[in-house]
PDB file of N, CA and C in Angstrom:
ATOM      1  N   MET A   1    -184.825  37.308-135.313  1.00  0.00           N
ATOM      2  CA  MET A   1    -185.544  36.883-136.478  1.00  0.00           C
ATOM      3  C   MET A   1    -185.196  35.414-136.741  1.00  0.00           C
ATOM      4  N   ASP A   2    -186.158  34.650-137.127  1.00  0.00           N
ATOM      5  CA  ASP A   2    -185.893  33.232-137.347  1.00  0.00           C
ATOM      6  C   ASP A   2    -185.261  32.981-138.725  1.00  0.00           C
ATOM      7  N   SER A   3    -184.684  31.821-138.879  1.00  0.00           N
ATOM      8  CA  SER A   3    -183.924  31.518-140.096  1.00  0.00           C
ATOM      9  C   SER A   3    -184.811  31.364-141.336  1.00  0.00           C
ATOM     10  N   LYS A   4    -186.069  30.897-141.182  1.00  0.00           N
ATOM     11  CA  LYS A   4    -186.957  30.759-142.343  1.00  0.00           C
ATOM     12  C   LYS A   4    -187.248  32.120-142.955  1.00  0.00           C
ATOM     13  N   ARG A   5    -187.481  33.103-142.102  1.00  0.00           N
ATOM     14  CA  ARG A   5    -187.786  34.449-142.613  1.00  0.00           C
ATOM     15  C   ARG A   5    -186.555  35.034-143.301  1.00  0.00           C
ATOM     16  N   LEU A   6    -185.383  34.792-142.730  1.00  0.00           N
ATOM     17  CA  LEU A   6    -184.155  35.284-143.348  1.00  0.00           C
ATOM     18  C   LEU A   6    -183.958  34.661-144.733  1.00  0.00           C
ATOM     19  N   ARG A   7    -184.268  33.381-144.867  1.00  0.00           N
ATOM     20  CA  ARG A   7    -184.080  32.701-146.144  1.00  0.00           C
ATOM     21  C   ARG A   7    -185.059  33.215-147.198  1.00  0.00           C
ATOM     22  N   LYS A   8    -186.226  33.631-146.750  1.00  0.00           N
ATOM     23  CA  LYS A   8    -187.229  34.109-147.701  1.00  0.00           C
ATOM     24  C   LYS A   8    -187.029  35.580-148.055  1.00  0.00           C
ATOM     25  N   SER A   9    -186.198  36.286-147.269  1.00  0.00           N
ATOM     26  CA  SER A   9    -185.966  37.713-147.521  1.00  0.00           C
ATOM     27  C   SER A   9    -185.111  37.885-148.760  1.00  0.00           C
ATOM     28  N   SER A  10    -185.353  38.963-149.460  1.00  0.00           N
ATOM     29  CA  SER A  10    -184.556  39.264-150.665  1.00  0.00           C
ATOM     30  C   SER A  10    -183.200  39.835-150.254  1.00  0.00           C
ATOM     31  N   ARG A  11    -182.356  39.844-151.244  1.00  0.00           N
ATOM     32  CA  ARG A  11    -181.015  40.394-151.010  1.00  0.00           C
ATOM     33  C   ARG A  11    -181.112  41.843-150.554  1.00  0.00           C
ATOM     34  N   GLN A  12    -181.995  42.627-151.126  1.00  0.00           N
ATOM     35  CA  GLN A  12    -182.190  44.034-150.767  1.00  0.00           C
ATOM     36  C   GLN A  12    -182.621  44.153-149.302  1.00  0.00           C
ATOM     37  N   GLU A  13    -183.561  43.331-148.880  1.00  0.00           N
ATOM     38  CA  GLU A  13    -184.040  43.372-147.490  1.00  0.00           C
ATOM     39  C   GLU A  13    -182.924  42.988-146.519  1.00  0.00           C
ATOM     40  N   LEU A  14    -182.151  41.979-146.896  1.00  0.00           N
ATOM     41  CA  LEU A  14    -181.037  41.551-146.037  1.00  0.00           C
ATOM     42  C   LEU A  14    -179.988  42.656-145.900  1.00  0.00           C
ATOM     43  N   LEU A  15    -179.705  43.328-147.002  1.00  0.00           N
ATOM     44  CA  LEU A  15    -178.733  44.426-146.945  1.00  0.00           C
ATOM     45  C   LEU A  15    -179.256  45.580-146.087  1.00  0.00           C
ATOM     46  N   GLU A  16    -180.544  45.861-146.175  1.00  0.00           N
ATOM     47  CA  GLU A  16    -181.131  46.921-145.343  1.00  0.00           C
ATOM     48  C   GLU A  16    -181.070  46.550-143.862  1.00  0.00           C
ATOM     49  N   MET A  17    -181.360  45.270-143.562  1.00  0.00           N
ATOM     50  CA  MET A  17    -181.275  44.813-142.164  1.00  0.00           C
ATOM     51  C   MET A  17    -179.835  44.905-141.666  1.00  0.00           C
ATOM     52  N   LEU A  18    -178.885  44.534-142.499  1.00  0.00           N
ATOM     53  CA  LEU A  18    -177.469  44.615-142.131  1.00  0.00           C
ATOM     54  C   LEU A  18    -177.053  46.064-141.903  1.00  0.00           C
ATOM     55  N   LEU A  19    -177.506  46.957-142.755  1.00  0.00           N
ATOM     56  CA  LEU A  19    -177.195  48.377-142.595  1.00  0.00           C
ATOM     57  C   LEU A  19    -177.797  48.931-141.301  1.00  0.00           C
ATOM     58  N   ASP A  20    -179.055  48.580-141.019  1.00  0.00           N
ATOM     59  CA  ASP A  20    -179.710  49.016-139.779  1.00  0.00           C
ATOM     60  C   ASP A  20    -178.957  48.492-138.550  1.00  0.00           C
ATOM     61  N   ALA A  21    -178.574  47.221-138.610  1.00  0.00           N
ATOM     62  CA  ALA A  21    -177.847  46.615-137.480  1.00  0.00           C
ATOM     63  C   ALA A  21    -176.497  47.295-137.286  1.00  0.00           C
ATOM     64  N   THR A  22    -175.823  47.632-138.388  1.00  0.00           N
ATOM     65  CA  THR A  22    -174.522  48.306-138.320  1.00  0.00           C
ATOM     66  C   THR A  22    -174.674  49.699-137.720  1.00  0.00           C
ATOM     67  N   GLU A  23    -175.700  50.432-138.141  1.00  0.00           N
ATOM     68  CA  GLU A  23    -175.939  51.770-137.587  1.00  0.00           C
ATOM     69  C   GLU A  23    -176.263  51.702-136.099  1.00  0.00           C
ATOM     70  N   GLU A  24    -177.098  50.731-135.734  1.00  0.00           N
ATOM     71  CA  GLU A  24    -177.446  50.539-134.314  1.00  0.00           C
ATOM     72  C   GLU A  24    -176.204  50.195-133.502  1.00  0.00           C
ATOM     73  N   ASN A  25    -175.371  49.333-134.062  1.00  0.00           N
ATOM     74  CA  ASN A  25    -174.127  48.936-133.402  1.00  0.00           C
ATOM     75  C   ASN A  25    -173.223  50.155-133.189  1.00  0.00           C
ATOM     76  N   GLU A  26    -173.087  50.987-134.195  1.00  0.00           N
ATOM     77  CA  GLU A  26    -172.248  52.187-134.097  1.00  0.00           C
ATOM     78  C   GLU A  26    -172.805  53.161-133.055  1.00  0.00           C
ATOM     79  N   ARG A  27    -174.121  53.338-133.069  1.00  0.00           N
ATOM     80  CA  ARG A  27    -174.759  54.224-132.086  1.00  0.00           C
ATOM     81  C   ARG A  27    -174.516  53.724-130.662  1.00  0.00           C
ATOM     82  N   LEU A  28    -174.657  52.423-130.465  1.00  0.00           N
ATOM     83  CA  LEU A  28    -174.443  51.844-129.133  1.00  0.00           C
ATOM     84  C   LEU A  28    -172.979  51.940-128.706  1.00  0.00           C
ATOM     85  N   ARG A  29    -172.059  51.805-129.631  1.00  0.00           N
ATOM     86  CA  ARG A  29    -170.629  51.962-129.307  1.00  0.00           C
ATOM     87  C   ARG A  29    -170.340  53.399-128.846  1.00  0.00           C
ATOM     88  N   HIS A  30    -170.907  54.349-129.572  1.00  0.00           N
ATOM     89  CA  HIS A  30    -170.714  55.758-129.213  1.00  0.00           C
ATOM     90  C   HIS A  30    -171.314  56.042-127.829  1.00  0.00           C
ATOM     91  N   GLU A  31    -172.519  55.536-127.588  1.00  0.00           N
ATOM     92  CA  GLU A  31    -173.163  55.729-126.284  1.00  0.00           C
ATOM     93  C   GLU A  31    -172.341  55.075-125.176  1.00  0.00           C
ATOM     94  N   ASN A  32    -171.820  53.894-125.451  1.00  0.00           N
ATOM     95  CA  ASN A  32    -170.979  53.184-124.495  1.00  0.00           C
ATOM     96  C   ASN A  32    -169.738  54.012-124.148  1.00  0.00           C
ATOM     97  N   GLU A  33    -169.096  54.587-125.157  1.00  0.00           N
ATOM     98  CA  GLU A  33    -167.900  55.410-124.933  1.00  0.00           C
ATOM     99  C   GLU A  33    -168.233  56.639-124.080  1.00  0.00           C
ATOM    100  N   GLU A  34    -169.356  57.288-124.376  1.00  0.00           N
ATOM    101  CA  GLU A  34    -169.771  58.461-123.593  1.00  0.00           C
ATOM    102  C   GLU A  34    -170.028  58.077-122.138  1.00  0.00           C
ATOM    103  N   LEU A  35    -170.667  56.941-121.918  1.00  0.00           N
ATOM    104  CA  LEU A  35    -170.941  56.495-120.550  1.00  0.00           C
ATOM    105  C   LEU A  35    -169.653  56.142-119.813  1.00  0.00           C
ATOM    106  N   ARG A  36    -168.704  55.560-120.524  1.00  0.00           N
ATOM    107  CA  ARG A  36    -167.405  55.254-119.898  1.00  0.00           C
ATOM    108  C   ARG A  36    -166.688  56.534-119.459  1.00  0.00           C
ATOM    109  N   LYS A  37    -166.743  57.568-120.316  1.00  0.00           N
ATOM    110  CA  LYS A  37    -166.130  58.853-119.960  1.00  0.00           C
ATOM    111  C   LYS A  37    -166.804  59.456-118.738  1.00  0.00           C
ATOM    112  N   GLU A  38    -168.118  59.368-118.678  1.00  0.00           N
ATOM    113  CA  GLU A  38    -168.851  59.912-117.535  1.00  0.00           C
ATOM    114  C   GLU A  38    -168.496  59.160-116.253  1.00  0.00           C
ATOM    115  N   ILE A  39    -168.396  57.844-116.357  1.00  0.00           N
ATOM    116  CA  ILE A  39    -168.019  57.036-115.193  1.00  0.00           C
ATOM    117  C   ILE A  39    -166.622  57.417-114.723  1.00  0.00           C
ATOM    118  N   GLU A  40    -165.686  57.575-115.655  1.00  0.00           N
ATOM    119  CA  GLU A  40    -164.315  57.957-115.291  1.00  0.00           C
ATOM    120  C   GLU A  40    -164.292  59.335-114.633  1.00  0.00           C
ATOM    121  N   SER A  41    -165.073  60.240-115.165  1.00  0.00           N
ATOM    122  CA  SER A  41    -165.157  61.582-114.588  1.00  0.00           C
ATOM    123  C   SER A  41    -165.678  61.521-113.157  1.00  0.00           C
ATOM    124  N   ARG A  42    -166.717  60.742-112.952  1.00  0.00           N
ATOM    125  CA  ARG A  42    -167.268  60.607-111.594  1.00  0.00           C
ATOM    126  C   ARG A  42    -166.296  59.914-110.663  1.00  0.00           C
ATOM    127  N   ARG A  43    -165.552  58.956-111.201  1.00  0.00           N
ATOM    128  CA  ARG A  43    -164.549  58.267-110.387  1.00  0.00           C
ATOM    129  C   ARG A  43    -163.482  59.257-109.922  1.00  0.00           C
ATOM    130  N   LEU A  44    -163.049  60.138-110.828  1.00  0.00           N
ATOM    131  CA  LEU A  44    -162.057  61.161-110.469  1.00  0.00           C
ATOM    132  C   LEU A  44    -162.609  62.111-109.423  1.00  0.00           C
ATOM    133  N   ILE A  45    -163.872  62.488-109.586  1.00  0.00           N
ATOM    134  CA  ILE A  45    -164.501  63.376-108.599  1.00  0.00           C
ATOM    135  C   ILE A  45    -164.526  62.700-107.233  1.00  0.00           C
ATOM    136  N   CYS A  46    -164.866  61.430-107.204  1.00  0.00           N
ATOM    137  CA  CYS A  46    -164.896  60.694-105.931  1.00  0.00           C
ATOM    138  C   CYS A  46    -163.502  60.600-105.317  1.00  0.00           C
ATOM    139  N   GLN A  47    -162.501  60.360-106.156  1.00  0.00           N
ATOM    140  CA  GLN A  47    -161.130  60.295-105.643  1.00  0.00           C
ATOM    141  C   GLN A  47    -160.699  61.640-105.088  1.00  0.00           C
ATOM    142  N   ASN A  48    -161.026  62.720-105.804  1.00  0.00           N
ATOM    143  CA  ASN A  48    -160.661  64.057-105.338  1.00  0.00           C
ATOM    144  C   ASN A  48    -161.410  64.401-104.063  1.00  0.00           C
ATOM    145  N   THR A  49    -162.662  63.987-103.980  1.00  0.00           N
ATOM    146  CA  THR A  49    -163.429  64.233-102.763  1.00  0.00           C
ATOM    147  C   THR A  49    -162.787  63.520-101.590  1.00  0.00           C
ATOM    148  N   GLY A  50    -162.363  62.291-101.825  1.00  0.00           N
ATOM    149  CA  GLY A  50    -161.664  61.555-100.777  1.00  0.00           C
ATOM    150  C   GLY A  50    -160.372  62.251-100.392  1.00  0.00           C
ATOM    151  N   SER A  51    -159.638  62.746-101.371  1.00  0.00           N
ATOM    152  CA  SER A  51    -158.387  63.442-101.108  1.00  0.00           C
ATOM    153  C   SER A  51    -158.642  64.735-100.340  1.00  0.00           C
ATOM    154  N   LEU A  52    -159.693  65.446-100.706  1.00  0.00           N
ATOM    155  CA  LEU A  52    -160.034  66.690-100.005  1.00  0.00           C
ATOM    156  C   LEU A  52    -160.437  66.402 -98.566  1.00  0.00           C
ATOM    157  N   ALA A  53    -161.190  65.330 -98.377  1.00  0.00           N
ATOM    158  CA  ALA A  53    -161.597  64.977 -97.017  1.00  0.00           C
ATOM    159  C   ALA A  53    -160.377  64.614 -96.171  1.00  0.00           C
ATOM    160  N   GLU A  54    -159.453  63.861 -96.759  1.00  0.00           N
ATOM    161  CA  GLU A  54    -158.225  63.512 -96.037  1.00  0.00           C
ATOM    162  C   GLU A  54    -157.413  64.763 -95.716  1.00  0.00           C
ATOM    163  N   ALA A  55    -157.318  65.675 -96.667  1.00  0.00           N
ATOM    164  CA  ALA A  55    -156.575  66.914 -96.438  1.00  0.00           C
ATOM    165  C   ALA A  55    -157.230  67.731 -95.340  1.00  0.00           C
ATOM    166  N   ALA A  56    -158.550  67.789 -95.333  1.00  0.00           N
ATOM    167  CA  ALA A  56    -159.262  68.531 -94.286  1.00  0.00           C
ATOM    168  C   ALA A  56    -159.001  67.913 -92.918  1.00  0.00           C
ATOM    169  N   LEU A  57    -158.985  66.589 -92.852  1.00  0.00           N
ATOM    170  CA  LEU A  57    -158.695  65.922 -91.580  1.00  0.00           C
ATOM    171  C   LEU A  57    -157.268  66.213 -91.118  1.00  0.00           C
ATOM    172  N   LYS A  58    -156.340  66.200 -92.065  1.00  0.00           N
ATOM    173  CA  LYS A  58    -154.950  66.504 -91.706  1.00  0.00           C
ATOM    174  C   LYS A  58    -154.823  67.938 -91.226  1.00  0.00           C
ATOM    175  N   LEU A  59    -155.472  68.864 -91.926  1.00  0.00           N
ATOM    176  CA  LEU A  59    -155.431  70.265 -91.501  1.00  0.00           C
ATOM    177  C   LEU A  59    -156.080  70.425 -90.133  1.00  0.00           C
ATOM    178  N   SER A  60    -157.151  69.724 -89.913  1.00  0.00           N
ATOM    179  CA  SER A  60    -157.816  69.779 -88.618  1.00  0.00           C
ATOM    180  C   SER A  60    -156.855  69.338 -87.514  1.00  0.00           C
ATOM    181  N   GLY A  61    -156.106  68.283 -87.785  1.00  0.00           N
ATOM    182  CA  GLY A  61    -155.116  67.808 -86.818  1.00  0.00           C
ATOM    183  C   GLY A  61    -154.024  68.831 -86.578  1.00  0.00           C
ATOM    184  N   ILE A  62    -153.607  69.515 -87.638  1.00  0.00           N
ATOM    185  CA  ILE A  62    -152.575  70.546 -87.503  1.00  0.00           C
ATOM    186  C   ILE A  62    -153.103  71.693 -86.654  1.00  0.00           C
ATOM    187  N   PHE A  63    -154.349  72.109 -86.916  1.00  0.00           N
ATOM    188  CA  PHE A  63    -154.923  73.206 -86.151  1.00  0.00           C
ATOM    189  C   PHE A  63    -155.124  72.814 -84.684  1.00  0.00           C
ATOM    190  N   GLU A  64    -155.500  71.563 -84.445  1.00  0.00           N
ATOM    191  CA  GLU A  64    -155.656  71.106 -83.065  1.00  0.00           C
ATOM    192  C   GLU A  64    -154.304  71.129 -82.347  1.00  0.00           C
ATOM    193  N   ALA A  65    -153.259  70.678 -83.021  1.00  0.00           N
ATOM    194  CA  ALA A  65    -151.923  70.684 -82.422  1.00  0.00           C
ATOM    195  C   ALA A  65    -151.456  72.112 -82.170  1.00  0.00           C
ATOM    196  N   ALA A  66    -151.719  73.020 -83.098  1.00  0.00           N
ATOM    197  CA  ALA A  66    -151.332  74.421 -82.917  1.00  0.00           C
ATOM    198  C   ALA A  66    -152.104  75.041 -81.760  1.00  0.00           C
ATOM    199  N   ASN A  67    -153.364  74.720 -81.640  1.00  0.00           N
ATOM    200  CA  ASN A  67    -154.176  75.234 -80.540  1.00  0.00           C
ATOM    201  C   ASN A  67    -153.656  74.713 -79.198  1.00  0.00           C
ATOM    202  N   GLU A  68    -153.293  73.448 -79.155  1.00  0.00           N
ATOM    203  CA  GLU A  68    -152.748  72.864 -77.927  1.00  0.00           C
ATOM    204  C   GLU A  68    -151.417  73.530 -77.573  1.00  0.00           C
ATOM    205  N   ALA A  69    -150.567  73.765 -78.568  1.00  0.00           N
ATOM    206  CA  ALA A  69    -149.284  74.437 -78.333  1.00  0.00           C
ATOM    207  C   ALA A  69    -149.513  75.855 -77.812  1.00  0.00           C
ATOM    208  N   LEU A  70    -150.512  76.544 -78.344  1.00  0.00           N
ATOM    209  CA  LEU A  70    -150.844  77.894 -77.883  1.00  0.00           C
ATOM    210  C   LEU A  70    -151.290  77.870 -76.423  1.00  0.00           C
ATOM    211  N   LYS A  71    -152.104  76.895 -76.043  1.00  0.00           N
ATOM    212  CA  LYS A  71    -152.551  76.783 -74.650  1.00  0.00           C
ATOM    213  C   LYS A  71    -151.372  76.551 -73.708  1.00  0.00           C
ATOM    214  N   ILE A  72    -150.451  75.680 -74.136  1.00  0.00           N
ATOM    215  CA  ILE A  72    -149.268  75.403 -73.317  1.00  0.00           C
ATOM    216  C   ILE A  72    -148.414  76.661 -73.192  1.00  0.00           C
ATOM    217  N   TYR A  73    -148.227  77.371 -74.281  1.00  0.00           N
ATOM    218  CA  TYR A  73    -147.446  78.605 -74.281  1.00  0.00           C
ATOM    219  C   TYR A  73    -148.071  79.644 -73.349  1.00  0.00           C
ATOM    220  N   GLN A  74    -149.386  79.804 -73.428  1.00  0.00           N
ATOM    221  CA  GLN A  74    -150.066  80.769 -72.568  1.00  0.00           C
ATOM    222  C   GLN A  74    -149.958  80.370 -71.099  1.00  0.00           C
ATOM    223  N   ALA A  75    -150.066  79.081 -70.815  1.00  0.00           N
ATOM    224  CA  ALA A  75    -149.939  78.612 -69.435  1.00  0.00           C
ATOM    225  C   ALA A  75    -148.533  78.879 -68.914  1.00  0.00           C
ATOM    226  N   ASN A  76    -147.523  78.661 -69.756  1.00  0.00           N
ATOM    227  CA  ASN A  76    -146.138  78.928 -69.348  1.00  0.00           C
ATOM    228  C   ASN A  76    -145.919  80.415 -69.101  1.00  0.00           C
ATOM    229  N   LEU A  77    -146.512  81.265 -69.945  1.00  0.00           N
ATOM    230  CA  LEU A  77    -146.390  82.709 -69.741  1.00  0.00           C
ATOM    231  C   LEU A  77    -147.025  83.129 -68.419  1.00  0.00           C
ATOM    232  N   GLU A  78    -148.180  82.594 -68.134  1.00  0.00           N
ATOM    233  CA  GLU A  78    -148.868  82.946 -66.886  1.00  0.00           C
ATOM    234  C   GLU A  78    -148.073  82.499 -65.668  1.00  0.00           C
ATOM    235  N   GLN A  79    -147.385  81.372 -65.764  1.00  0.00           N
ATOM    236  CA  GLN A  79    -146.596  80.878 -64.637  1.00  0.00           C
ATOM    237  C   GLN A  79    -145.298  81.663 -64.462  1.00  0.00           C
ATOM    238  N   SER A  80    -144.692  82.099 -65.550  1.00  0.00           N
ATOM    239  CA  SER A  80    -143.384  82.739 -65.453  1.00  0.00           C
ATOM    240  C   SER A  80    -143.455  84.235 -65.182  1.00  0.00           C
ATOM    241  N   GLU A  81    -144.518  84.919 -65.557  1.00  0.00           N
ATOM    242  CA  GLU A  81    -144.617  86.353 -65.354  1.00  0.00           C
ATOM    243  C   GLU A  81    -145.673  86.664 -64.306  1.00  0.00           C
ATOM    244  N   PRO A  82    -145.289  87.475 -63.299  1.00  0.00           N
ATOM    245  CA  PRO A  82    -146.313  87.886 -62.344  1.00  0.00           C
ATOM    246  C   PRO A  82    -147.259  88.872 -63.019  1.00  0.00           C
ATOM    247  N   PRO A  83    -148.494  88.922 -62.590  1.00  0.00           N
ATOM    248  CA  PRO A  83    -149.438  89.852 -63.212  1.00  0.00           C
ATOM    249  C   PRO A  83    -149.008  91.291 -62.982  1.00  0.00           C
ATOM    250  N   THR A  84    -149.166  92.127 -63.976  1.00  0.00           N
ATOM    251  CA  THR A  84    -148.792  93.534 -63.859  1.00  0.00           C
ATOM    252  C   THR A  84    -150.032  94.356 -63.608  1.00  0.00           C
ATOM    253  N   ASP A  85    -149.937  95.232 -62.600  1.00  0.00           N
ATOM    254  CA  ASP A  85    -151.041  96.140 -62.270  1.00  0.00           C
ATOM    255  C   ASP A  85    -150.738  97.491 -62.875  1.00  0.00           C
ATOM    256  N   GLN A  86    -151.722  98.163 -63.359  1.00  0.00           N
ATOM    257  CA  GLN A  86    -151.537  99.489 -63.925  1.00  0.00           C
ATOM    258  C   GLN A  86    -151.480 100.548 -62.819  1.00  0.00           C
ATOM    259  N   SER A  87    -152.180 100.309 -61.730  1.00  0.00           N
ATOM    260  CA  SER A  87    -152.166 101.286 -60.627  1.00  0.00           C
ATOM    261  C   SER A  87    -151.035 100.950 -59.671  1.00  0.00           C
ATOM    262  N   PRO A  88    -150.380 101.983 -59.095  1.00  0.00           N
ATOM    263  CA  PRO A  88    -149.274 101.706 -58.166  1.00  0.00           C
ATOM    264  C   PRO A  88    -149.810 101.064 -56.894  1.00  0.00           C
ATOM    265  N   SER A  89    -149.048 100.136 -56.343  1.00  0.00           N
ATOM    266  CA  SER A  89    -149.461  99.477 -55.106  1.00  0.00           C
ATOM    267  C   SER A  89    -148.981 100.291 -53.912  1.00  0.00           C
ATOM    268  N   GLU A  90    -149.368  99.851 -52.748  1.00  0.00           N
ATOM    269  CA  GLU A  90    -148.991 100.579 -51.528  1.00  0.00           C
ATOM    270  C   GLU A  90    -147.500 100.503 -51.274  1.00  0.00           C
ATOM    271  N   ASP A  91    -146.847  99.447 -51.782  1.00  0.00           N
ATOM    272  CA  ASP A  91    -145.425  99.274 -51.545  1.00  0.00           C
ATOM    273  C   ASP A  91    -144.574 100.133 -52.470  1.00  0.00           C
ATOM    274  N   THR A  92    -145.117 100.645 -53.536  1.00  0.00           N
ATOM    275  CA  THR A  92    -144.325 101.438 -54.466  1.00  0.00           C
ATOM    276  C   THR A  92    -144.340 102.903 -54.066  1.00  0.00           C
ATOM    277  N   VAL A  93    -143.278 103.596 -54.461  1.00  0.00           N
ATOM    278  CA  VAL A  93    -143.123 105.000 -54.117  1.00  0.00           C
ATOM    279  C   VAL A  93    -142.950 105.763 -55.413  1.00  0.00           C
ATOM    280  N   SER A  94    -143.596 106.927 -55.526  1.00  0.00           N
ATOM    281  CA  SER A  94    -143.445 107.727 -56.727  1.00  0.00           C
ATOM    282  C   SER A  94    -142.060 108.347 -56.750  1.00  0.00           C
ATOM    283  N   VAL A  95    -141.676 108.902 -57.866  1.00  0.00           N
ATOM    284  CA  VAL A  95    -140.355 109.507 -58.033  1.00  0.00           C
ATOM    285  C   VAL A  95    -140.200 110.699 -57.090  1.00  0.00           C
ATOM    286  N   SER A  96    -141.216 111.531 -57.006  1.00  0.00           N
ATOM    287  CA  SER A  96    -141.117 112.699 -56.121  1.00  0.00           C
ATOM    288  C   SER A  96    -141.010 112.278 -54.658  1.00  0.00           C
ATOM    289  N   GLU A  97    -141.712 111.247 -54.268  1.00  0.00           N
ATOM    290  CA  GLU A  97    -141.610 110.755 -52.888  1.00  0.00           C
ATOM    291  C   GLU A  97    -140.226 110.198 -52.626  1.00  0.00           C
ATOM    292  N   ALA A  98    -139.650 109.535 -53.596  1.00  0.00           N
ATOM    293  CA  ALA A  98    -138.316 108.975 -53.430  1.00  0.00           C
ATOM    294  C   ALA A  98    -137.291 110.085 -53.276  1.00  0.00           C
ATOM    295  N   GLU A  99    -137.429 111.201 -53.998  1.00  0.00           N
ATOM    296  CA  GLU A  99    -136.509 112.320 -53.878  1.00  0.00           C
ATOM    297  C   GLU A  99    -136.629 112.962 -52.511  1.00  0.00           C
ATOM    298  N   GLU A 100    -137.850 113.089 -52.015  1.00  0.00           N
ATOM    299  CA  GLU A 100    -138.052 113.672 -50.695  1.00  0.00           C
ATOM    300  C   GLU A 100    -137.411 112.803 -49.628  1.00  0.00           C
ATOM    301  N   LEU A 101    -137.574 111.485 -49.785  1.00  0.00           N
ATOM    302  CA  LEU A 101    -137.000 110.580 -48.796  1.00  0.00           C
ATOM    303  C   LEU A 101    -135.474 110.609 -48.838  1.00  0.00           C
ATOM    304  N   SER A 102    -134.902 110.771 -49.990  1.00  0.00           N
ATOM    305  CA  SER A 102    -133.464 110.795 -50.084  1.00  0.00           C
ATOM    306  C   SER A 102    -132.887 112.094 -49.541  1.00  0.00           C
ATOM    307  N   ASP A 103    -133.689 113.197 -49.537  1.00  0.00           N
ATOM    308  CA  ASP A 103    -133.245 114.482 -48.997  1.00  0.00           C
ATOM    309  C   ASP A 103    -133.260 114.470 -47.468  1.00  0.00           C
ATOM    310  N   GLY A 104    -133.938 113.506 -46.925  1.00  0.00           N
ATOM    311  CA  GLY A 104    -134.033 113.464 -45.476  1.00  0.00           C
ATOM    312  C   GLY A 104    -135.258 114.185 -44.969  1.00  0.00           C
ATOM    313  N   THR A 105    -136.028 114.750 -45.844  1.00  0.00           N
ATOM    314  CA  THR A 105    -137.218 115.433 -45.432  1.00  0.00           C
ATOM    315  C   THR A 105    -138.315 114.400 -45.183  1.00  0.00           C
ATOM    316  N   PRO A 106    -139.013 114.498 -44.084  1.00  0.00           N
ATOM    317  CA  PRO A 106    -140.062 113.494 -43.828  1.00  0.00           C
ATOM    318  C   PRO A 106    -141.201 113.607 -44.839  1.00  0.00           C
ATOM    319  N   GLU A 107    -141.800 112.504 -45.091  1.00  0.00           N
ATOM    320  CA  GLU A 107    -142.918 112.437 -46.019  1.00  0.00           C
ATOM    321  C   GLU A 107    -144.146 113.013 -45.375  1.00  0.00           C
ATOM    322  N   GLN A 108    -144.843 113.873 -46.085  1.00  0.00           N
ATOM    323  CA  GLN A 108    -146.070 114.454 -45.559  1.00  0.00           C
ATOM    324  C   GLN A 108    -147.252 113.837 -46.267  1.00  0.00           C
ATOM    325  N   SER A 109    -148.150 113.269 -45.468  1.00  0.00           N
ATOM    326  CA  SER A 109    -149.305 112.634 -46.043  1.00  0.00           C
ATOM    327  C   SER A 109    -150.544 113.351 -45.691  1.00  0.00           C
TER     328      SER A 109
END
C-alpha cells in the first residue's frame, strides 16, 4: 500500500490493517513451524533409510562370508572322508562268512 493511502486512512482502518497483518503473520509462523517439523521428520526417515541400507549391505557381506566358509568346510569334509557306500563291497565279508572262515570251513558260494 502506498504512503498517501496510509495517511488518508483513519485510525480505525489502520488498526484493522495492523490486526489483519498480525493475524497473517501468526498464521504464517505456525505454517512455517509445521513445515519445519515435516522436513525434520523426512530427514530422519532418509537417515534411517540410509542406515537400513548400510545394515542390509553389512548383513549381505556377513551372509556371503558365511556361505564361503560353508563351501570351504564342505570341500574339506569331502577331501578328508572317503565316500561311504550303504551296500557291502566285494572286499567286505559278512559276520557269518567271517565265522566260517575262522572255523576253517571253506566258503560255499
